[in-house]
PDB file of all heavy atoms in Angstrom:
ATOM      1  N   GLY A   1      -0.408  -9.678  18.804  1.00  0.00           N
ATOM      2  CA  GLY A   1      -0.603  -8.694  19.856  1.00  0.00           C
ATOM      3  C   GLY A   1       0.445  -8.704  20.954  1.00  0.00           C
ATOM      4  O   GLY A   1       0.310  -7.982  21.943  1.00  0.00           O
ATOM      5  N   ALA A   2       1.501  -9.519  20.808  1.00  0.00           N
ATOM      6  CA  ALA A   2       2.557  -9.531  21.822  1.00  0.00           C
ATOM      7  C   ALA A   2       3.345  -8.232  21.798  1.00  0.00           C
ATOM      8  O   ALA A   2       3.781  -7.740  22.845  1.00  0.00           O
ATOM      9  CB  ALA A   2       3.489 -10.722  21.599  1.00  0.00           C
ATOM     10  N   PHE A   3       3.564  -7.685  20.600  1.00  0.00           N
ATOM     11  CA  PHE A   3       4.220  -6.388  20.429  1.00  0.00           C
ATOM     12  C   PHE A   3       3.275  -5.464  19.669  1.00  0.00           C
ATOM     13  O   PHE A   3       2.711  -5.888  18.651  1.00  0.00           O
ATOM     14  CB  PHE A   3       5.503  -6.499  19.599  1.00  0.00           C
ATOM     15  CG  PHE A   3       6.570  -7.383  20.175  1.00  0.00           C
ATOM     16  CD1 PHE A   3       7.484  -7.992  19.334  1.00  0.00           C
ATOM     17  CD2 PHE A   3       6.673  -7.596  21.540  1.00  0.00           C
ATOM     18  CE1 PHE A   3       8.478  -8.812  19.840  1.00  0.00           C
ATOM     19  CE2 PHE A   3       7.663  -8.414  22.070  1.00  0.00           C
ATOM     20  CZ  PHE A   3       8.567  -9.021  21.217  1.00  0.00           C
ATOM     21  N   PRO A   4       3.115  -4.225  20.090  1.00  0.00           N
ATOM     22  CA  PRO A   4       2.370  -3.274  19.261  1.00  0.00           C
ATOM     23  C   PRO A   4       3.222  -2.873  18.068  1.00  0.00           C
ATOM     24  O   PRO A   4       4.433  -2.637  18.218  1.00  0.00           O
ATOM     25  CB  PRO A   4       2.127  -2.095  20.204  1.00  0.00           C
ATOM     26  CG  PRO A   4       3.271  -2.154  21.169  1.00  0.00           C
ATOM     27  CD  PRO A   4       3.585  -3.615  21.357  1.00  0.00           C
ATOM     28  N   PRO A   5       2.658  -2.789  16.883  1.00  0.00           N
ATOM     29  CA  PRO A   5       3.455  -2.355  15.735  1.00  0.00           C
ATOM     30  C   PRO A   5       3.823  -0.883  15.859  1.00  0.00           C
ATOM     31  O   PRO A   5       3.096  -0.098  16.464  1.00  0.00           O
ATOM     32  CB  PRO A   5       2.529  -2.598  14.544  1.00  0.00           C
ATOM     33  CG  PRO A   5       1.145  -2.516  15.124  1.00  0.00           C
ATOM     34  CD  PRO A   5       1.257  -3.065  16.514  1.00  0.00           C
ATOM     35  N   SER A   6       4.956  -0.525  15.287  1.00  0.00           N
ATOM     36  CA  SER A   6       5.359   0.888  15.253  1.00  0.00           C
ATOM     37  C   SER A   6       4.633   1.630  14.151  1.00  0.00           C
ATOM     38  O   SER A   6       4.554   2.866  14.171  1.00  0.00           O
ATOM     39  CB  SER A   6       6.876   0.993  15.048  1.00  0.00           C
ATOM     40  OG  SER A   6       7.577   0.296  16.056  1.00  0.00           O
ATOM     41  N   GLY A   7       4.103   0.900  13.190  1.00  0.00           N
ATOM     42  CA  GLY A   7       3.338   1.495  12.097  1.00  0.00           C
ATOM     43  C   GLY A   7       2.642   0.408  11.316  1.00  0.00           C
ATOM     44  O   GLY A   7       2.948  -0.769  11.435  1.00  0.00           O
ATOM     45  N   GLY A   8       1.666   0.811  10.520  1.00  0.00           N
ATOM     46  CA  GLY A   8       0.942  -0.137   9.692  1.00  0.00           C
ATOM     47  C   GLY A   8      -0.374  -0.590  10.303  1.00  0.00           C
ATOM     48  O   GLY A   8      -0.779  -0.131  11.376  1.00  0.00           O
ATOM     49  N   GLU A   9      -1.032  -1.499   9.599  1.00  0.00           N
ATOM     50  CA  GLU A   9      -2.373  -1.945   9.997  1.00  0.00           C
ATOM     51  C   GLU A   9      -2.497  -3.452   9.790  1.00  0.00           C
ATOM     52  O   GLU A   9      -2.025  -4.008   8.800  1.00  0.00           O
ATOM     53  CB  GLU A   9      -3.431  -1.225   9.170  1.00  0.00           C
ATOM     54  CG  GLU A   9      -4.864  -1.546   9.556  1.00  0.00           C
ATOM     55  CD  GLU A   9      -5.860  -0.724   8.755  1.00  0.00           C
ATOM     56  OE1 GLU A   9      -6.180   0.402   9.186  1.00  0.00           O
ATOM     57  OE2 GLU A   9      -6.281  -1.211   7.689  1.00  0.00           O
ATOM     58  N   ILE A  10      -3.159  -4.117  10.746  1.00  0.00           N
ATOM     59  CA  ILE A  10      -3.396  -5.560  10.681  1.00  0.00           C
ATOM     60  C   ILE A  10      -4.890  -5.788  10.804  1.00  0.00           C
ATOM     61  O   ILE A  10      -5.560  -5.197  11.662  1.00  0.00           O
ATOM     62  CB  ILE A  10      -2.665  -6.290  11.822  1.00  0.00           C
ATOM     63  CG1 ILE A  10      -1.164  -5.981  11.774  1.00  0.00           C
ATOM     64  CG2 ILE A  10      -2.898  -7.791  11.731  1.00  0.00           C
ATOM     65  CD1 ILE A  10      -0.445  -6.330  13.049  1.00  0.00           C
ATOM     66  N   SER A  11      -5.428  -6.637   9.940  1.00  0.00           N
ATOM     67  CA  SER A  11      -6.854  -6.952  10.007  1.00  0.00           C
ATOM     68  C   SER A  11      -7.064  -8.455   9.931  1.00  0.00           C
ATOM     69  O   SER A  11      -6.306  -9.180   9.279  1.00  0.00           O
ATOM     70  CB  SER A  11      -7.632  -6.258   8.886  1.00  0.00           C
ATOM     71  OG  SER A  11      -7.229  -6.738   7.616  1.00  0.00           O
ATOM     72  N   PHE A  12      -8.104  -8.916  10.612  1.00  0.00           N
ATOM     73  CA  PHE A  12      -8.469 -10.325  10.647  1.00  0.00           C
ATOM     74  C   PHE A  12      -9.952 -10.439  10.322  1.00  0.00           C
ATOM     75  O   PHE A  12     -10.789  -9.890  11.024  1.00  0.00           O
ATOM     76  CB  PHE A  12      -8.176 -10.919  12.020  1.00  0.00           C
ATOM     77  CG  PHE A  12      -8.560 -12.368  12.168  1.00  0.00           C
ATOM     78  CD1 PHE A  12      -7.937 -13.347  11.410  1.00  0.00           C
ATOM     79  CD2 PHE A  12      -9.542 -12.747  13.066  1.00  0.00           C
ATOM     80  CE1 PHE A  12      -8.284 -14.682  11.545  1.00  0.00           C
ATOM     81  CE2 PHE A  12      -9.897 -14.072  13.216  1.00  0.00           C
ATOM     82  CZ  PHE A  12      -9.262 -15.044  12.447  1.00  0.00           C
ATOM     83  N   GLN A  13     -10.255 -11.086   9.206  1.00  0.00           N
ATOM     84  CA  GLN A  13     -11.635 -11.221   8.725  1.00  0.00           C
ATOM     85  C   GLN A  13     -12.331  -9.862   8.634  1.00  0.00           C
ATOM     86  O   GLN A  13     -13.490  -9.711   9.016  1.00  0.00           O
ATOM     87  CB  GLN A  13     -12.412 -12.182   9.628  1.00  0.00           C
ATOM     88  CG  GLN A  13     -11.876 -13.613   9.555  1.00  0.00           C
ATOM     89  CD  GLN A  13     -12.704 -14.598  10.340  1.00  0.00           C
ATOM     90  OE1 GLN A  13     -13.181 -14.286  11.434  1.00  0.00           O
ATOM     91  NE2 GLN A  13     -12.885 -15.770   9.793  1.00  0.00           N
ATOM     92  N   GLY A  14     -11.607  -8.890   8.145  1.00  0.00           N
ATOM     93  CA  GLY A  14     -12.161  -7.566   7.924  1.00  0.00           C
ATOM     94  C   GLY A  14     -12.184  -6.664   9.131  1.00  0.00           C
ATOM     95  O   GLY A  14     -12.549  -5.490   9.013  1.00  0.00           O
ATOM     96  N   GLN A  15     -11.778  -7.164  10.285  1.00  0.00           N
ATOM     97  CA  GLN A  15     -11.764  -6.360  11.511  1.00  0.00           C
ATOM     98  C   GLN A  15     -10.344  -5.899  11.807  1.00  0.00           C
ATOM     99  O   GLN A  15      -9.412  -6.701  11.807  1.00  0.00           O
ATOM    100  CB  GLN A  15     -12.299  -7.175  12.695  1.00  0.00           C
ATOM    101  CG  GLN A  15     -12.228  -6.444  14.033  1.00  0.00           C
ATOM    102  CD  GLN A  15     -12.728  -7.290  15.189  1.00  0.00           C
ATOM    103  OE1 GLN A  15     -13.363  -8.329  14.990  1.00  0.00           O
ATOM    104  NE2 GLN A  15     -12.440  -6.865  16.407  1.00  0.00           N
ATOM    105  N   ILE A  16     -10.181  -4.611  12.084  1.00  0.00           N
ATOM    106  CA  ILE A  16      -8.869  -4.086  12.431  1.00  0.00           C
ATOM    107  C   ILE A  16      -8.488  -4.586  13.824  1.00  0.00           C
ATOM    108  O   ILE A  16      -9.221  -4.381  14.799  1.00  0.00           O
ATOM    109  CB  ILE A  16      -8.851  -2.547  12.408  1.00  0.00           C
ATOM    110  CG1 ILE A  16      -9.308  -2.030  11.032  1.00  0.00           C
ATOM    111  CG2 ILE A  16      -7.456  -2.033  12.741  1.00  0.00           C
ATOM    112  CD1 ILE A  16      -8.444  -2.487   9.890  1.00  0.00           C
ATOM    113  N   ILE A  17      -7.341  -5.264  13.930  1.00  0.00           N
ATOM    114  CA  ILE A  17      -6.914  -5.810  15.223  1.00  0.00           C
ATOM    115  C   ILE A  17      -5.581  -5.220  15.670  1.00  0.00           C
ATOM    116  O   ILE A  17      -4.986  -5.688  16.639  1.00  0.00           O
ATOM    117  CB  ILE A  17      -6.800  -7.348  15.154  1.00  0.00           C
ATOM    118  CG1 ILE A  17      -5.718  -7.782  14.146  1.00  0.00           C
ATOM    119  CG2 ILE A  17      -8.143  -7.978  14.818  1.00  0.00           C
ATOM    120  CD1 ILE A  17      -5.391  -9.269  14.211  1.00  0.00           C
ATOM    121  N   THR A  18      -5.129  -4.170  15.007  1.00  0.00           N
ATOM    122  CA  THR A  18      -3.801  -3.609  15.243  1.00  0.00           C
ATOM    123  C   THR A  18      -3.558  -3.289  16.711  1.00  0.00           C
ATOM    124  O   THR A  18      -2.461  -3.528  17.225  1.00  0.00           O
ATOM    125  CB  THR A  18      -3.612  -2.326  14.410  1.00  0.00           C
ATOM    126  OG1 THR A  18      -4.012  -2.586  13.062  1.00  0.00           O
ATOM    127  CG2 THR A  18      -2.161  -1.874  14.420  1.00  0.00           C
ATOM    128  N   ALA A  19      -4.529  -2.758  17.423  1.00  0.00           N
ATOM    129  CA  ALA A  19      -4.312  -2.301  18.793  1.00  0.00           C
ATOM    130  C   ALA A  19      -4.874  -3.251  19.840  1.00  0.00           C
ATOM    131  O   ALA A  19      -4.859  -2.944  21.033  1.00  0.00           O
ATOM    132  CB  ALA A  19      -4.946  -0.916  18.979  1.00  0.00           C
ATOM    133  N   LEU A  20      -5.347  -4.433  19.425  1.00  0.00           N
ATOM    134  CA  LEU A  20      -5.965  -5.350  20.384  1.00  0.00           C
ATOM    135  C   LEU A  20      -4.910  -6.104  21.182  1.00  0.00           C
ATOM    136  O   LEU A  20      -3.850  -6.440  20.670  1.00  0.00           O
ATOM    137  CB  LEU A  20      -6.868  -6.357  19.659  1.00  0.00           C
ATOM    138  CG  LEU A  20      -8.123  -5.812  18.976  1.00  0.00           C
ATOM    139  CD1 LEU A  20      -8.921  -6.959  18.368  1.00  0.00           C
ATOM    140  CD2 LEU A  20      -8.974  -5.023  19.954  1.00  0.00           C
ATOM    141  N   PRO A  21      -5.209  -6.428  22.462  1.00  0.00           N
ATOM    142  CA  PRO A  21      -4.278  -7.228  23.269  1.00  0.00           C
ATOM    143  C   PRO A  21      -4.318  -8.702  22.851  1.00  0.00           C
ATOM    144  O   PRO A  21      -5.240  -9.153  22.158  1.00  0.00           O
ATOM    145  CB  PRO A  21      -4.805  -7.046  24.695  1.00  0.00           C
ATOM    146  CG  PRO A  21      -6.264  -6.759  24.514  1.00  0.00           C
ATOM    147  CD  PRO A  21      -6.384  -5.981  23.240  1.00  0.00           C
ATOM    148  N   CYS A  22      -3.318  -9.444  23.333  1.00  0.00           N
ATOM    149  CA  CYS A  22      -3.175 -10.856  22.947  1.00  0.00           C
ATOM    150  C   CYS A  22      -4.436 -11.680  23.175  1.00  0.00           C
ATOM    151  O   CYS A  22      -4.851 -12.447  22.302  1.00  0.00           O
ATOM    152  CB  CYS A  22      -2.030 -11.498  23.740  1.00  0.00           C
ATOM    153  SG  CYS A  22      -0.384 -10.984  23.257  1.00  0.00           S
ATOM    154  N   HIS A  23      -5.054 -11.542  24.355  1.00  0.00           N
ATOM    155  CA  HIS A  23      -6.180 -12.415  24.680  1.00  0.00           C
ATOM    156  C   HIS A  23      -7.382 -12.140  23.786  1.00  0.00           C
ATOM    157  O   HIS A  23      -8.127 -13.063  23.441  1.00  0.00           O
ATOM    158  CB  HIS A  23      -6.562 -12.276  26.158  1.00  0.00           C
ATOM    159  CG  HIS A  23      -7.151 -10.946  26.531  1.00  0.00           C
ATOM    160  ND1 HIS A  23      -6.384  -9.844  26.807  1.00  0.00           N
ATOM    161  CD2 HIS A  23      -8.452 -10.553  26.658  1.00  0.00           C
ATOM    162  CE1 HIS A  23      -7.174  -8.828  27.108  1.00  0.00           C
ATOM    163  NE2 HIS A  23      -8.433  -9.223  27.020  1.00  0.00           N
ATOM    164  N   ARG A  24      -7.557 -10.883  23.376  1.00  0.00           N
ATOM    165  CA  ARG A  24      -8.665 -10.561  22.469  1.00  0.00           C
ATOM    166  C   ARG A  24      -8.413 -11.156  21.086  1.00  0.00           C
ATOM    167  O   ARG A  24      -9.331 -11.685  20.439  1.00  0.00           O
ATOM    168  CB  ARG A  24      -8.821  -9.036  22.355  1.00  0.00           C
ATOM    169  CG  ARG A  24      -9.356  -8.361  23.609  1.00  0.00           C
ATOM    170  CD  ARG A  24     -10.876  -8.461  23.691  1.00  0.00           C
ATOM    171  NE  ARG A  24     -11.519  -7.974  22.485  1.00  0.00           N
ATOM    172  CZ  ARG A  24     -11.753  -6.679  22.219  1.00  0.00           C
ATOM    173  NH1 ARG A  24     -11.325  -5.742  23.076  1.00  0.00           N
ATOM    174  NH2 ARG A  24     -12.371  -6.326  21.123  1.00  0.00           N
ATOM    175  N   ILE A  25      -7.185 -11.073  20.636  1.00  0.00           N
ATOM    176  CA  ILE A  25      -6.838 -11.627  19.328  1.00  0.00           C
ATOM    177  C   ILE A  25      -6.994 -13.141  19.340  1.00  0.00           C
ATOM    178  O   ILE A  25      -7.523 -13.735  18.389  1.00  0.00           O
ATOM    179  CB  ILE A  25      -5.412 -11.208  18.936  1.00  0.00           C
ATOM    180  CG1 ILE A  25      -5.391  -9.696  18.655  1.00  0.00           C
ATOM    181  CG2 ILE A  25      -4.913 -11.983  17.721  1.00  0.00           C
ATOM    182  CD1 ILE A  25      -4.011  -9.129  18.394  1.00  0.00           C
ATOM    183  N   ALA A  26      -6.552 -13.791  20.419  1.00  0.00           N
ATOM    184  CA  ALA A  26      -6.711 -15.243  20.528  1.00  0.00           C
ATOM    185  C   ALA A  26      -8.184 -15.623  20.520  1.00  0.00           C
ATOM    186  O   ALA A  26      -8.581 -16.614  19.886  1.00  0.00           O
ATOM    187  CB  ALA A  26      -6.033 -15.747  21.801  1.00  0.00           C
ATOM    188  N   HIS A  27      -9.008 -14.840  21.206  1.00  0.00           N
ATOM    189  CA  HIS A  27     -10.440 -15.140  21.272  1.00  0.00           C
ATOM    190  C   HIS A  27     -11.101 -15.024  19.897  1.00  0.00           C
ATOM    191  O   HIS A  27     -12.077 -15.727  19.610  1.00  0.00           O
ATOM    192  CB  HIS A  27     -11.119 -14.195  22.261  1.00  0.00           C
ATOM    193  CG  HIS A  27     -12.557 -14.526  22.511  1.00  0.00           C
ATOM    194  ND1 HIS A  27     -12.945 -15.599  23.288  1.00  0.00           N
ATOM    195  CD2 HIS A  27     -13.709 -13.939  22.078  1.00  0.00           C
ATOM    196  CE1 HIS A  27     -14.271 -15.663  23.317  1.00  0.00           C
ATOM    197  NE2 HIS A  27     -14.752 -14.667  22.602  1.00  0.00           N
ATOM    198  N   LEU A  28     -10.565 -14.177  19.032  1.00  0.00           N
ATOM    199  CA  LEU A  28     -11.121 -14.030  17.689  1.00  0.00           C
ATOM    200  C   LEU A  28     -10.858 -15.255  16.818  1.00  0.00           C
ATOM    201  O   LEU A  28     -11.560 -15.473  15.833  1.00  0.00           O
ATOM    202  CB  LEU A  28     -10.544 -12.787  17.007  1.00  0.00           C
ATOM    203  CG  LEU A  28     -11.003 -11.432  17.547  1.00  0.00           C
ATOM    204  CD1 LEU A  28     -10.225 -10.309  16.867  1.00  0.00           C
ATOM    205  CD2 LEU A  28     -12.495 -11.241  17.338  1.00  0.00           C
ATOM    206  N   GLY A  29      -9.843 -16.037  17.186  1.00  0.00           N
ATOM    207  CA  GLY A  29      -9.584 -17.258  16.429  1.00  0.00           C
ATOM    208  C   GLY A  29      -8.197 -17.377  15.848  1.00  0.00           C
ATOM    209  O   GLY A  29      -7.977 -18.099  14.872  1.00  0.00           O
ATOM    210  N   ILE A  30      -7.202 -16.688  16.447  1.00  0.00           N
ATOM    211  CA  ILE A  30      -5.811 -16.792  16.011  1.00  0.00           C
ATOM    212  C   ILE A  30      -5.015 -17.502  17.100  1.00  0.00           C
ATOM    213  O   ILE A  30      -4.979 -17.051  18.241  1.00  0.00           O
ATOM    214  CB  ILE A  30      -5.195 -15.405  15.738  1.00  0.00           C
ATOM    215  CG1 ILE A  30      -5.974 -14.675  14.640  1.00  0.00           C
ATOM    216  CG2 ILE A  30      -3.728 -15.535  15.346  1.00  0.00           C
ATOM    217  CD1 ILE A  30      -5.461 -13.269  14.358  1.00  0.00           C
ATOM    218  N   ALA A  31      -4.395 -18.619  16.751  1.00  0.00           N
ATOM    219  CA  ALA A  31      -3.566 -19.374  17.694  1.00  0.00           C
ATOM    220  C   ALA A  31      -2.161 -19.487  17.135  1.00  0.00           C
ATOM    221  O   ALA A  31      -1.950 -19.369  15.929  1.00  0.00           O
ATOM    222  CB  ALA A  31      -4.154 -20.762  17.947  1.00  0.00           C
ATOM    223  N   ARG A  32      -1.198 -19.743  18.014  1.00  0.00           N
ATOM    224  CA  ARG A  32       0.184 -19.826  17.565  1.00  0.00           C
ATOM    225  C   ARG A  32       0.981 -20.806  18.414  1.00  0.00           C
ATOM    226  O   ARG A  32       0.585 -21.154  19.522  1.00  0.00           O
ATOM    227  CB  ARG A  32       0.858 -18.454  17.635  1.00  0.00           C
ATOM    228  CG  ARG A  32       1.086 -17.973  19.057  1.00  0.00           C
ATOM    229  CD  ARG A  32       1.970 -16.753  19.122  1.00  0.00           C
ATOM    230  NE  ARG A  32       3.309 -17.004  18.613  1.00  0.00           N
ATOM    231  CZ  ARG A  32       4.291 -16.106  18.640  1.00  0.00           C
ATOM    232  NH1 ARG A  32       4.057 -14.898  19.141  1.00  0.00           N
ATOM    233  NH2 ARG A  32       5.475 -16.398  18.174  1.00  0.00           N
ATOM    234  N   THR A  33       2.106 -21.247  17.863  1.00  0.00           N
ATOM    235  CA  THR A  33       3.129 -21.935  18.640  1.00  0.00           C
ATOM    236  C   THR A  33       4.357 -21.027  18.670  1.00  0.00           C
ATOM    237  O   THR A  33       4.397 -20.004  17.990  1.00  0.00           O
ATOM    238  CB  THR A  33       3.491 -23.303  18.040  1.00  0.00           C
ATOM    239  OG1 THR A  33       4.083 -23.116  16.743  1.00  0.00           O
ATOM    240  CG2 THR A  33       2.251 -24.176  17.907  1.00  0.00           C
TER     241      THR A  33
END
C-alpha cells in the first residue's frame, strides 16, 4: 500500500486490498522489512 498500482488487482486471503492504505494492510497481517 505504499504505492497505488496503476493497474491490476491484489488480494489477501480472498479480500481485495488494492486500494487500501498501508496501515489497513498491516493490520490485516502483512509485515515487511
